Amino acid sequence: MPRPLWAGAISFGLVTIPVKIVSATEDHDVHFHRVHLADMGRVRTRKVCELDDQVVPQDEIGKGYEIAKDQTVPVADEELEQMPLPTAKAIEIAAFVDADTIDPVRISDSYYLAADGQVAAKPYTLLRKALERSSKVAVAKFAWHGRERLGLLRIREGAIVLHSMKWPDEVRSPDELAPREVEVGEEEIEQALRLAEQMTIEDLSGFHDEYREALEGIIAAKAEGKPLPAPAEDEGKEKGEVVDLMAALNASVKAAEESRGERGKDATVHKMRPSKKTTRKTPTKKTAAAPKKSTASKKTTAKKRSAS
């Protein structure tokens, strides 16, 4: 099991469930060090006090809040831990809502909640079964990393998952981002739905990080002193406005059907844009080529054959 990030309890009415928070995801990104290119020495970030220009050790660094210019008050970690909040060491379930009413934009990081000890087994299982048998999710409040947060509890493969959520006032309105009103025909909508149906898959297990794989290939080649992998071929896609939306949809549907093998071998997939014209170079001088036989020479040859 990964190292727990937080330990506390779920507060569910009068029920208390001791739990530990464990990260539900893993970081597979390739991380770089900052180095001095001349000698490959690591470049470190130094924490320097702006008043005495001295490097400050970690045990002398704390939190401070600026209440006015040139006036900062210190805030100790112990003071934050002792705040009079019911959520200081608890994930307090405040309500239950239908799962489909949650805006996905508000969902942030995800964590598993592991039962902390045998005493937590029964109430943990009780909450899990209650959530499994309903179409609802639990909305909770909890304090973590110096602030109170809003959370969402749901079930994934028998484990309770905690999703950290944005507060309502933290989500920007998309009103100003929406495009101006334009007319879209019913036939275009139907074809877009048909395309979506053709592109529907069972799950996302087939997706993988191609950028990370390519980056690891470059690192491996450089480490072994080998030539770098050849760059990917340009597919020749042009950026620009699609003039005929319906033609693009029709071509996309045909391409999707072809990729699924739902059309015959003679099916034609139309491209969305015409291919680029190849510019022919005018030859400066013709090389010697086999001369074409004239009609007269052909008749002379025929007479000779008949005479023989």
C-alpha atoms as a PDB file:
ATOM      1  CA  MET A   1       0.000   0.000   0.000  1.00  0.00           C
ATOM      2  CA  PRO A   2       1.286   3.523  -0.794  1.00  0.00           C
ATOM      3  CA  ARG A   3       2.258   5.773   2.082  1.00  0.00           C
ATOM      4  CA  PRO A   4      -0.828   7.358   3.725  1.00  0.00           C
ATOM      5  CA  LEU A   5      -1.124  11.107   3.143  1.00  0.00           C
ATOM      6  CA  TRP A   6      -3.590  11.858   5.953  1.00  0.00           C
ATOM      7  CA  ALA A   7      -5.208  10.034   8.865  1.00  0.00           C
ATOM      8  CA  GLY A   8      -8.542  10.884  10.457  1.00  0.00           C
ATOM      9  CA  ALA A   9     -12.110   9.637  10.319  1.00  0.00           C
ATOM     10  CA  ILE A  10     -15.291   9.807   8.288  1.00  0.00           C
ATOM     11  CA  SER A  11     -18.089  11.373  10.300  1.00  0.00           C
ATOM     12  CA  PHE A  12     -21.414   9.900   9.136  1.00  0.00           C
ATOM     13  CA  GLY A  13     -24.134  11.102  11.505  1.00  0.00           C
ATOM     14  CA  LEU A  14     -23.211   9.414  14.788  1.00  0.00           C
ATOM     15  CA  VAL A  15     -21.038   6.863  12.971  1.00  0.00           C
ATOM     16  CA  THR A  16     -17.261   7.358  13.010  1.00  0.00           C
ATOM     17  CA  ILE A  17     -15.054   5.481  10.530  1.00  0.00           C
ATOM     18  CA  PRO A  18     -11.264   5.723  11.088  1.00  0.00           C
ATOM     19  CA  VAL A  19      -9.613   6.055   7.661  1.00  0.00           C
ATOM     20  CA  LYS A  20      -6.356   6.919   5.949  1.00  0.00           C
ATOM     21  CA  ILE A  21      -6.105   8.871   2.714  1.00  0.00           C
ATOM     22  CA  VAL A  22      -4.048   7.158   0.001  1.00  0.00           C
ATOM     23  CA  SER A  23      -3.397   8.650  -3.429  1.00  0.00           C
ATOM     24  CA  ALA A  24      -5.581   7.029  -6.089  1.00  0.00           C
ATOM     25  CA  THR A  25      -3.242   7.891  -8.967  1.00  0.00           C
ATOM     26  CA  GLU A  26       0.438   7.519  -9.849  1.00  0.00           C
ATOM     27  CA  ASP A  27       2.789  10.003 -11.456  1.00  0.00           C
ATOM     28  CA  HIS A  28       4.482   8.496 -14.513  1.00  0.00           C
ATOM     29  CA  ASP A  29       5.787  11.799 -15.891  1.00  0.00           C
ATOM     30  CA  VAL A  30       9.459  12.075 -16.815  1.00  0.00           C
ATOM     31  CA  HIS A  31      11.022  14.612 -14.456  1.00  0.00           C
ATOM     32  CA  PHE A  32      14.091  16.658 -15.363  1.00  0.00           C
ATOM     33  CA  HIS A  33      16.743  18.240 -13.147  1.00  0.00           C
ATOM     34  CA  ARG A  34      17.951  21.760 -13.779  1.00  0.00           C
ATOM     35  CA  VAL A  35      21.647  21.515 -14.637  1.00  0.00           C
ATOM     36  CA  HIS A  36      24.558  23.732 -15.598  1.00  0.00           C
ATOM     37  CA  LEU A  37      25.106  22.747 -19.248  1.00  0.00           C
ATOM     38  CA  ALA A  38      28.832  23.461 -19.067  1.00  0.00           C
ATOM     39  CA  ASP A  39      29.568  20.723 -16.512  1.00  0.00           C
ATOM     40  CA  MET A  40      26.178  19.022 -15.833  1.00  0.00           C
ATOM     41  CA  GLY A  41      26.217  20.179 -12.202  1.00  0.00           C
ATOM     42  CA  ARG A  42      22.800  20.402 -10.494  1.00  0.00           C
ATOM     43  CA  VAL A  43      21.335  23.893 -10.175  1.00  0.00           C
ATOM     44  CA  ARG A  44      19.631  24.219  -6.787  1.00  0.00           C
ATOM     45  CA  THR A  45      17.060  26.688  -5.509  1.00  0.00           C
ATOM     46  CA  ARG A  46      18.400  28.553  -2.485  1.00  0.00           C
ATOM     47  CA  LYS A  47      15.987  29.976   0.079  1.00  0.00           C
ATOM     48  CA  VAL A  48      17.417  33.376   0.992  1.00  0.00           C
ATOM     49  CA  CYS A  49      16.038  35.920   3.462  1.00  0.00           C
ATOM     50  CA  GLU A  50      15.538  39.224   1.644  1.00  0.00           C
ATOM     51  CA  LEU A  51      16.519  41.254   4.745  1.00  0.00           C
ATOM     52  CA  ASP A  52      19.933  39.799   5.597  1.00  0.00           C
ATOM     53  CA  ASP A  53      20.632  38.002   2.289  1.00  0.00           C
ATOM     54  CA  GLN A  54      21.437  34.786   4.157  1.00  0.00           C
ATOM     55  CA  VAL A  55      20.399  31.225   3.234  1.00  0.00           C
ATOM     56  CA  VAL A  56      17.675  30.092   5.671  1.00  0.00           C
ATOM     57  CA  PRO A  57      17.607  26.440   6.853  1.00  0.00           C
ATOM     58  CA  GLN A  58      14.311  24.577   6.510  1.00  0.00           C
ATOM     59  CA  ASP A  59      13.689  24.399  10.285  1.00  0.00           C
ATOM     60  CA  GLU A  60      13.663  28.222  10.449  1.00  0.00           C
ATOM     61  CA  ILE A  61      11.082  28.663   7.668  1.00  0.00           C
ATOM     62  CA  GLY A  62       7.428  29.129   8.642  1.00  0.00           C
ATOM     63  CA  LYS A  63       4.175  30.642   7.425  1.00  0.00           C
ATOM     64  CA  GLY A  64       3.363  34.343   7.519  1.00  0.00           C
ATOM     65  CA  TYR A  65       0.402  36.413   6.354  1.00  0.00           C
ATOM     66  CA  GLU A  66       0.829  40.003   5.176  1.00  0.00           C
ATOM     67  CA  ILE A  67      -1.966  42.074   6.729  1.00  0.00           C
ATOM     68  CA  ALA A  68      -0.541  45.401   5.553  1.00  0.00           C
ATOM     69  CA  LYS A  69       2.541  46.724   3.788  1.00  0.00           C
ATOM     70  CA  ASP A  70       5.632  45.863   5.868  1.00  0.00           C
ATOM     71  CA  GLN A  71       3.429  44.102   8.449  1.00  0.00           C
ATOM     72  CA  THR A  72       3.334  40.292   8.478  1.00  0.00           C
ATOM     73  CA  VAL A  73       1.991  38.073  11.239  1.00  0.00           C
ATOM     74  CA  PRO A  74       3.416  34.557  11.762  1.00  0.00           C
ATOM     75  CA  VAL A  75       1.045  31.593  11.744  1.00  0.00           C
ATOM     76  CA  ALA A  76       2.350  28.329  13.246  1.00  0.00           C
ATOM     77  CA  ASP A  77       1.348  24.868  12.036  1.00  0.00           C
ATOM     78  CA  GLU A  78       0.233  24.029  15.582  1.00  0.00           C
ATOM     79  CA  GLU A  79      -2.182  26.975  15.527  1.00  0.00           C
ATOM     80  CA  LEU A  80      -3.684  25.734  12.263  1.00  0.00           C
ATOM     81  CA  GLU A  81      -4.117  22.229  13.655  1.00  0.00           C
ATOM     82  CA  GLN A  82      -5.916  23.565  16.750  1.00  0.00           C
ATOM     83  CA  MET A  83      -8.471  25.658  14.857  1.00  0.00           C
ATOM     84  CA  PRO A  84     -12.023  25.123  16.163  1.00  0.00           C
ATOM     85  CA  LEU A  85     -13.216  23.258  13.061  1.00  0.00           C
ATOM     86  CA  PRO A  86     -15.239  20.026  13.145  1.00  0.00           C
ATOM     87  CA  THR A  87     -13.439  19.031   9.935  1.00  0.00           C
ATOM     88  CA  ALA A  88      -9.914  19.439  11.363  1.00  0.00           C
ATOM     89  CA  LYS A  89      -9.399  15.688  11.623  1.00  0.00           C
ATOM     90  CA  ALA A  90     -12.585  14.395  10.081  1.00  0.00           C
ATOM     91  CA  ILE A  91     -14.228  14.020   6.699  1.00  0.00           C
ATOM     92  CA  GLU A  92     -17.677  15.200   7.716  1.00  0.00           C
ATOM     93  CA  ILE A  93     -20.485  14.017   5.429  1.00  0.00           C
ATOM     94  CA  ALA A  94     -22.860  16.949   5.074  1.00  0.00           C
ATOM     95  CA  ALA A  95     -25.351  15.694   2.456  1.00  0.00           C
ATOM     96  CA  PHE A  96     -26.155  13.155  -0.236  1.00  0.00           C
ATOM     97  CA  VAL A  97     -26.949  14.127  -3.836  1.00  0.00           C
ATOM     98  CA  ASP A  98     -27.717  12.314  -7.093  1.00  0.00           C
ATOM     99  CA  ALA A  99     -24.468  11.394  -8.825  1.00  0.00           C
ATOM    100  CA  ASP A 100     -25.504  12.929 -12.168  1.00  0.00           C
ATOM    101  CA  THR A 101     -25.984  16.384 -10.594  1.00  0.00           C
ATOM    102  CA  ILE A 102     -22.241  16.844  -9.950  1.00  0.00           C
ATOM    103  CA  ASP A 103     -20.487  19.091 -12.459  1.00  0.00           C
ATOM    104  CA  PRO A 104     -17.277  17.271 -13.549  1.00  0.00           C
ATOM    105  CA  VAL A 105     -15.474  20.638 -13.767  1.00  0.00           C
ATOM    106  CA  ARG A 106     -15.603  20.864  -9.979  1.00  0.00           C
ATOM    107  CA  ILE A 107     -13.850  17.528  -9.400  1.00  0.00           C
ATOM    108  CA  SER A 108     -10.128  17.828  -8.680  1.00  0.00           C
ATOM    109  CA  ASP A 109      -7.721  15.223  -7.243  1.00  0.00           C
ATOM    110  CA  SER A 110      -8.831  11.701  -6.280  1.00  0.00           C
ATOM    111  CA  TYR A 111      -7.845   9.598  -3.255  1.00  0.00           C
ATOM    112  CA  TYR A 112      -8.709   6.187  -1.844  1.00  0.00           C
ATOM    113  CA  LEU A 113      -9.927   5.950   1.747  1.00  0.00           C
ATOM    114  CA  ALA A 114      -8.471   2.891   3.476  1.00  0.00           C
ATOM    115  CA  ALA A 115     -10.067   1.515   6.632  1.00  0.00           C
ATOM    116  CA  ASP A 116      -7.715   2.298   9.539  1.00  0.00           C
ATOM    117  CA  GLY A 117      -7.738  -0.784  11.770  1.00  0.00           C
ATOM    118  CA  GLN A 118     -10.221  -3.559  12.439  1.00  0.00           C
ATOM    119  CA  VAL A 119     -12.566  -1.230  14.327  1.00  0.00           C
ATOM    120  CA  ALA A 120     -13.208   0.595  11.045  1.00  0.00           C
ATOM    121  CA  ALA A 121     -14.125  -2.523   9.063  1.00  0.00           C
ATOM    122  CA  LYS A 122     -17.851  -2.671   9.887  1.00  0.00           C
ATOM    123  CA  PRO A 123     -18.777   1.042   9.597  1.00  0.00           C
ATOM    124  CA  TYR A 124     -16.619   1.311   6.445  1.00  0.00           C
ATOM    125  CA  THR A 125     -18.501  -1.610   4.892  1.00  0.00           C
ATOM    126  CA  LEU A 126     -21.835  -0.115   6.009  1.00  0.00           C
ATOM    127  CA  LEU A 127     -21.163   3.192   4.243  1.00  0.00           C
ATOM    128  CA  ARG A 128     -19.826   1.414   1.159  1.00  0.00           C
ATOM    129  CA  LYS A 129     -22.924  -0.780   0.798  1.00  0.00           C
ATOM    130  CA  ALA A 130     -25.250   2.182   1.378  1.00  0.00           C
ATOM    131  CA  LEU A 131     -23.568   4.108  -1.445  1.00  0.00           C
ATOM    132  CA  GLU A 132     -23.481   1.060  -3.732  1.00  0.00           C
ATOM    133  CA  ARG A 133     -27.236   0.461  -3.402  1.00  0.00           C
ATOM    134  CA  SER A 134     -28.174   4.039  -4.186  1.00  0.00           C
ATOM    135  CA  SER A 135     -27.537   6.322  -7.126  1.00  0.00           C
ATOM    136  CA  LYS A 136     -26.271   8.973  -4.751  1.00  0.00           C
ATOM    137  CA  VAL A 137     -22.849  10.235  -3.718  1.00  0.00           C
ATOM    138  CA  ALA A 138     -21.889  11.784  -0.394  1.00  0.00           C
ATOM    139  CA  VAL A 139     -20.825  15.428  -0.171  1.00  0.00           C
ATOM    140  CA  ALA A 140     -18.329  16.053   2.641  1.00  0.00           C
ATOM    141  CA  LYS A 141     -16.161  18.778   4.130  1.00  0.00           C
ATOM    142  CA  PHE A 142     -12.615  18.228   5.371  1.00  0.00           C
ATOM    143  CA  ALA A 143      -9.561  20.293   6.279  1.00  0.00           C
ATOM    144  CA  TRP A 144      -6.279  19.517   4.561  1.00  0.00           C
ATOM    145  CA  HIS A 145      -3.119  21.409   3.595  1.00  0.00           C
ATOM    146  CA  GLY A 146      -4.098  24.566   5.412  1.00  0.00           C
ATOM    147  CA  ARG A 147      -7.640  24.986   4.129  1.00  0.00           C
ATOM    148  CA  GLU A 148     -11.114  23.524   4.363  1.00  0.00           C
ATOM    149  CA  ARG A 149     -12.127  21.605   1.287  1.00  0.00           C
ATOM    150  CA  LEU A 150     -15.263  20.211  -0.276  1.00  0.00           C
ATOM    151  CA  GLY A 151     -15.208  16.507  -1.095  1.00  0.00           C
ATOM    152  CA  LEU A 152     -17.217  13.844  -2.857  1.00  0.00           C
ATOM    153  CA  LEU A 153     -17.399  10.234  -1.686  1.00  0.00           C
ATOM    154  CA  ARG A 154     -18.292   7.419  -4.074  1.00  0.00           C
ATOM    155  CA  ILE A 155     -17.450   3.738  -4.551  1.00  0.00           C
ATOM    156  CA  ARG A 156     -14.895   2.309  -6.966  1.00  0.00           C
ATOM    157  CA  GLU A 157     -14.268  -1.441  -7.075  1.00  0.00           C
ATOM    158  CA  GLY A 158     -15.227  -1.930  -3.430  1.00  0.00           C
ATOM    159  CA  ALA A 159     -13.235   1.021  -2.061  1.00  0.00           C
ATOM    160  CA  ILE A 160     -14.473   4.442  -0.949  1.00  0.00           C
ATOM    161  CA  VAL A 161     -13.012   7.185  -3.123  1.00  0.00           C
ATOM    162  CA  LEU A 162     -12.642  10.791  -2.009  1.00  0.00           C
ATOM    163  CA  HIS A 163     -12.685  13.390  -4.785  1.00  0.00           C
ATOM    164  CA  SER A 164     -11.468  16.829  -3.784  1.00  0.00           C
ATOM    165  CA  MET A 165     -13.833  19.426  -5.241  1.00  0.00           C
ATOM    166  CA  LYS A 166     -13.789  23.103  -6.065  1.00  0.00           C
ATOM    167  CA  TRP A 167     -16.071  25.385  -4.091  1.00  0.00           C
ATOM    168  CA  PRO A 168     -18.911  26.892  -6.172  1.00  0.00           C
ATOM    169  CA  ASP A 169     -17.230  30.326  -6.281  1.00  0.00           C
ATOM    170  CA  GLU A 170     -13.988  28.769  -7.587  1.00  0.00           C
ATOM    171  CA  VAL A 171     -15.527  27.727 -10.922  1.00  0.00           C
ATOM    172  CA  ARG A 172     -15.507  30.422 -13.598  1.00  0.00           C
ATOM    173  CA  SER A 173     -18.582  31.035 -15.698  1.00  0.00           C
ATOM    174  CA  PRO A 174     -18.171  29.999 -19.364  1.00  0.00           C
ATOM    175  CA  ASP A 175     -20.738  32.518 -20.611  1.00  0.00           C
ATOM    176  CA  GLU A 176     -18.215  34.835 -22.246  1.00  0.00           C
ATOM    177  CA  LEU A 177     -16.489  31.890 -23.934  1.00  0.00           C
ATOM    178  CA  ALA A 178     -19.513  30.551 -25.801  1.00  0.00           C
ATOM    179  CA  PRO A 179     -19.528  31.280 -29.570  1.00  0.00           C
ATOM    180  CA  ARG A 180     -22.147  33.455 -31.172  1.00  0.00           C
ATOM    181  CA  GLU A 181     -25.401  31.768 -32.096  1.00  0.00           C
ATOM    182  CA  VAL A 182     -25.224  29.943 -35.428  1.00  0.00           C
ATOM    183  CA  GLU A 183     -27.716  27.715 -37.177  1.00  0.00           C
ATOM    184  CA  VAL A 184     -27.011  23.996 -37.277  1.00  0.00           C
ATOM    185  CA  GLY A 185     -29.226  21.769 -39.414  1.00  0.00           C
ATOM    186  CA  GLU A 186     -30.930  18.628 -38.136  1.00  0.00           C
ATOM    187  CA  GLU A 187     -29.137  16.557 -40.761  1.00  0.00           C
ATOM    188  CA  GLU A 188     -25.791  17.816 -39.454  1.00  0.00           C
ATOM    189  CA  ILE A 189     -26.762  16.974 -35.869  1.00  0.00           C
ATOM    190  CA  GLU A 190     -27.884  13.475 -36.895  1.00  0.00           C
ATOM    191  CA  GLN A 191     -24.629  12.878 -38.737  1.00  0.00           C
ATOM    192  CA  ALA A 192     -22.632  14.122 -35.732  1.00  0.00           C
ATOM    193  CA  LEU A 193     -24.536  11.654 -33.534  1.00  0.00           C
ATOM    194  CA  ARG A 194     -23.813   8.900 -36.028  1.00  0.00           C
ATOM    195  CA  LEU A 195     -20.119   9.767 -35.900  1.00  0.00           C
ATOM    196  CA  ALA A 196     -20.184   9.695 -32.092  1.00  0.00           C
ATOM    197  CA  GLU A 197     -21.837   6.262 -32.231  1.00  0.00           C
ATOM    198  CA  GLN A 198     -19.157   4.963 -34.601  1.00  0.00           C
ATOM    199  CA  MET A 199     -16.412   6.273 -32.288  1.00  0.00           C
ATOM    200  CA  THR A 200     -17.930   4.796 -29.104  1.00  0.00           C
ATOM    201  CA  ILE A 201     -15.643   2.362 -27.223  1.00  0.00           C
ATOM    202  CA  GLU A 202     -16.127   0.083 -24.222  1.00  0.00           C
ATOM    203  CA  ASP A 203     -13.404   1.567 -21.986  1.00  0.00           C
ATOM    204  CA  LEU A 204     -10.264   3.721 -22.003  1.00  0.00           C
ATOM    205  CA  SER A 205      -7.767   0.921 -21.333  1.00  0.00           C
ATOM    206  CA  GLY A 206      -6.279   1.230 -24.820  1.00  0.00           C
ATOM    207  CA  PHE A 207      -5.057   4.797 -24.308  1.00  0.00           C
ATOM    208  CA  HIS A 208      -1.449   5.427 -23.321  1.00  0.00           C
ATOM    209  CA  ASP A 209       0.985   8.333 -23.055  1.00  0.00           C
ATOM    210  CA  GLU A 210       2.783   8.397 -26.414  1.00  0.00           C
ATOM    211  CA  TYR A 211       4.653  11.591 -25.536  1.00  0.00           C
ATOM    212  CA  ARG A 212       6.234   9.965 -22.469  1.00  0.00           C
ATOM    213  CA  GLU A 213       7.218   6.896 -24.504  1.00  0.00           C
ATOM    214  CA  ALA A 214       8.878   9.060 -27.152  1.00  0.00           C
ATOM    215  CA  LEU A 215      10.650  11.090 -24.464  1.00  0.00           C
ATOM    216  CA  GLU A 216      11.948   7.918 -22.785  1.00  0.00           C
ATOM    217  CA  GLY A 217      13.224   6.777 -26.180  1.00  0.00           C
ATOM    218  CA  ILE A 218      15.210   9.994 -26.578  1.00  0.00           C
ATOM    219  CA  ILE A 219      16.680   9.671 -23.071  1.00  0.00           C
ATOM    220  CA  ALA A 220      17.637   6.024 -23.655  1.00  0.00           C
ATOM    221  CA  ALA A 221      19.325   6.856 -26.974  1.00  0.00           C
ATOM    222  CA  LYS A 222      21.318   9.703 -25.439  1.00  0.00           C
ATOM    223  CA  ALA A 223      22.356   7.542 -22.468  1.00  0.00           C
ATOM    224  CA  GLU A 224      23.639   4.786 -24.806  1.00  0.00           C
ATOM    225  CA  GLY A 225      25.237   7.170 -27.279  1.00  0.00           C
ATOM    226  CA  LYS A 226      22.941   6.073 -30.084  1.00  0.00           C
ATOM    227  CA  PRO A 227      21.324   8.260 -32.771  1.00  0.00           C
ATOM    228  CA  LEU A 228      18.057   9.856 -31.735  1.00  0.00           C
ATOM    229  CA  PRO A 229      14.856   8.223 -32.991  1.00  0.00           C
ATOM    230  CA  ALA A 230      13.591   9.576 -36.284  1.00  0.00           C
ATOM    231  CA  PRO A 231      10.933  12.264 -35.924  1.00  0.00           C
ATOM    232  CA  ALA A 232       7.338  11.312 -36.639  1.00  0.00           C
ATOM    233  CA  GLU A 233       6.198  11.817 -40.196  1.00  0.00           C
ATOM    234  CA  ASP A 234       4.075  14.863 -40.860  1.00  0.00           C
ATOM    235  CA  GLU A 235       0.592  13.705 -41.727  1.00  0.00           C
ATOM    236  CA  GLY A 236       0.105  16.799 -43.819  1.00  0.00           C
ATOM    237  CA  LYS A 237      -2.932  18.055 -41.918  1.00  0.00           C
ATOM    238  CA  GLU A 238      -3.624  21.699 -42.489  1.00  0.00           C
ATOM    239  CA  LYS A 239      -5.104  24.027 -39.933  1.00  0.00           C
ATOM    240  CA  GLY A 240      -7.963  26.127 -41.115  1.00  0.00           C
ATOM    241  CA  GLU A 241     -11.695  26.532 -41.270  1.00  0.00           C
ATOM    242  CA  VAL A 242     -13.766  23.600 -42.447  1.00  0.00           C
ATOM    243  CA  VAL A 243     -15.928  25.190 -45.117  1.00  0.00           C
ATOM    244  CA  ASP A 244     -18.300  22.305 -45.812  1.00  0.00           C
ATOM    245  CA  LEU A 245     -19.252  20.914 -42.390  1.00  0.00           C
ATOM    246  CA  MET A 246     -21.586  18.283 -43.763  1.00  0.00           C
ATOM    247  CA  ALA A 247     -18.952  16.941 -46.163  1.00  0.00           C
ATOM    248  CA  ALA A 248     -16.509  16.723 -43.288  1.00  0.00           C
ATOM    249  CA  LEU A 249     -19.026  14.813 -41.159  1.00  0.00           C
ATOM    250  CA  ASN A 250     -19.824  12.399 -44.000  1.00  0.00           C
ATOM    251  CA  ALA A 251     -16.141  11.731 -44.596  1.00  0.00           C
ATOM    252  CA  SER A 252     -15.520  11.251 -40.884  1.00  0.00           C
ATOM    253  CA  VAL A 253     -18.366   8.745 -40.539  1.00  0.00           C
ATOM    254  CA  LYS A 254     -17.095   6.767 -43.550  1.00  0.00           C
ATOM    255  CA  ALA A 255     -13.581   6.762 -42.137  1.00  0.00           C
ATOM    256  CA  ALA A 256     -14.874   5.542 -38.754  1.00  0.00           C
ATOM    257  CA  GLU A 257     -16.894   2.776 -40.417  1.00  0.00           C
ATOM    258  CA  GLU A 258     -13.868   1.764 -42.467  1.00  0.00           C
ATOM    259  CA  SER A 259     -11.652   1.592 -39.377  1.00  0.00           C
ATOM    260  CA  ARG A 260     -14.196  -0.685 -37.686  1.00  0.00           C
ATOM    261  CA  GLY A 261     -14.411  -2.908 -40.754  1.00  0.00           C
ATOM    262  CA  GLU A 262     -18.113  -2.246 -41.206  1.00  0.00           C
ATOM    263  CA  ARG A 263     -17.858  -1.463 -44.910  1.00  0.00           C
ATOM    264  CA  GLY A 264     -16.732  -3.599 -47.822  1.00  0.00           C
ATOM    265  CA  LYS A 265     -13.251  -3.624 -49.267  1.00  0.00           C
ATOM    266  CA  ASP A 266     -14.355  -1.345 -52.100  1.00  0.00           C
ATOM    267  CA  ALA A 267     -15.544   1.382 -49.720  1.00  0.00           C
ATOM    268  CA  THR A 268     -14.167   4.808 -50.493  1.00  0.00           C
ATOM    269  CA  VAL A 269     -13.095   7.195 -47.751  1.00  0.00           C
ATOM    270  CA  HIS A 270     -13.246  10.805 -48.885  1.00  0.00           C
ATOM    271  CA  LYS A 271     -10.692  13.190 -47.513  1.00  0.00           C
ATOM    272  CA  MET A 272     -11.859  16.303 -45.675  1.00  0.00           C
ATOM    273  CA  ARG A 273      -9.555  18.551 -47.682  1.00  0.00           C
ATOM    274  CA  PRO A 274      -8.071  18.136 -51.142  1.00  0.00           C
ATOM    275  CA  SER A 275      -4.495  16.977 -51.166  1.00  0.00           C
ATOM    276  CA  LYS A 276      -1.775  19.426 -52.053  1.00  0.00           C
ATOM    277  CA  LYS A 277      -0.961  19.680 -55.758  1.00  0.00           C
ATOM    278  CA  THR A 278       2.503  18.554 -56.682  1.00  0.00           C
ATOM    279  CA  THR A 279       4.408  21.201 -58.592  1.00  0.00           C
ATOM    280  CA  ARG A 280       6.110  19.746 -61.634  1.00  0.00           C
ATOM    281  CA  LYS A 281       9.587  20.925 -62.436  1.00  0.00           C
ATOM    282  CA  THR A 282      10.188  21.819 -66.093  1.00  0.00           C
ATOM    283  CA  PRO A 283      13.167  19.820 -67.364  1.00  0.00           C
ATOM    284  CA  THR A 284      15.990  22.020 -68.634  1.00  0.00           C
ATOM    285  CA  LYS A 285      17.145  19.536 -71.264  1.00  0.00           C
ATOM    286  CA  LYS A 286      15.716  16.243 -72.431  1.00  0.00           C
ATOM    287  CA  THR A 287      17.972  13.243 -72.199  1.00  0.00           C
ATOM    288  CA  ALA A 288      18.337  10.903 -75.132  1.00  0.00           C
ATOM    289  CA  ALA A 289      15.245   8.793 -75.442  1.00  0.00           C
ATOM    290  CA  ALA A 290      14.123   6.031 -77.759  1.00  0.00           C
ATOM    291  CA  PRO A 291      12.701   7.727 -80.900  1.00  0.00           C
ATOM    292  CA  LYS A 292       9.121   6.969 -81.775  1.00  0.00           C
ATOM    293  CA  LYS A 293       8.604   5.024 -84.988  1.00  0.00           C
ATOM    294  CA  SER A 294       6.675   6.954 -87.608  1.00  0.00           C
ATOM    295  CA  THR A 295       3.777   5.472 -89.568  1.00  0.00           C
ATOM    296  CA  ALA A 296       5.873   5.419 -92.770  1.00  0.00           C
ATOM    297  CA  SER A 297       8.630   3.397 -91.187  1.00  0.00           C
ATOM    298  CA  LYS A 298       6.060   0.924 -89.836  1.00  0.00           C
ATOM    299  CA  LYS A 299       4.674   0.372 -93.422  1.00  0.00           C
ATOM    300  CA  THR A 300       8.193  -0.137 -94.869  1.00  0.00           C
ATOM    301  CA  THR A 301       8.921  -2.770 -92.233  1.00  0.00           C
ATOM    302  CA  ALA A 302       5.689  -4.560 -92.995  1.00  0.00           C
ATOM    303  CA  LYS A 303       6.511  -4.725 -96.772  1.00  0.00           C
ATOM    304  CA  LYS A 304       9.946  -6.180 -96.120  1.00  0.00           C
ATOM    305  CA  ARG A 305       8.426  -8.903 -93.918  1.00  0.00           C
ATOM    306  CA  SER A 306       5.857  -9.834 -96.629  1.00  0.00           C
ATOM    307  CA  ALA A 307       8.560  -9.979 -99.342  1.00  0.00           C
ATOM    308  CA  SER A 308      10.642 -12.337 -97.299  1.00  0.00           C
END
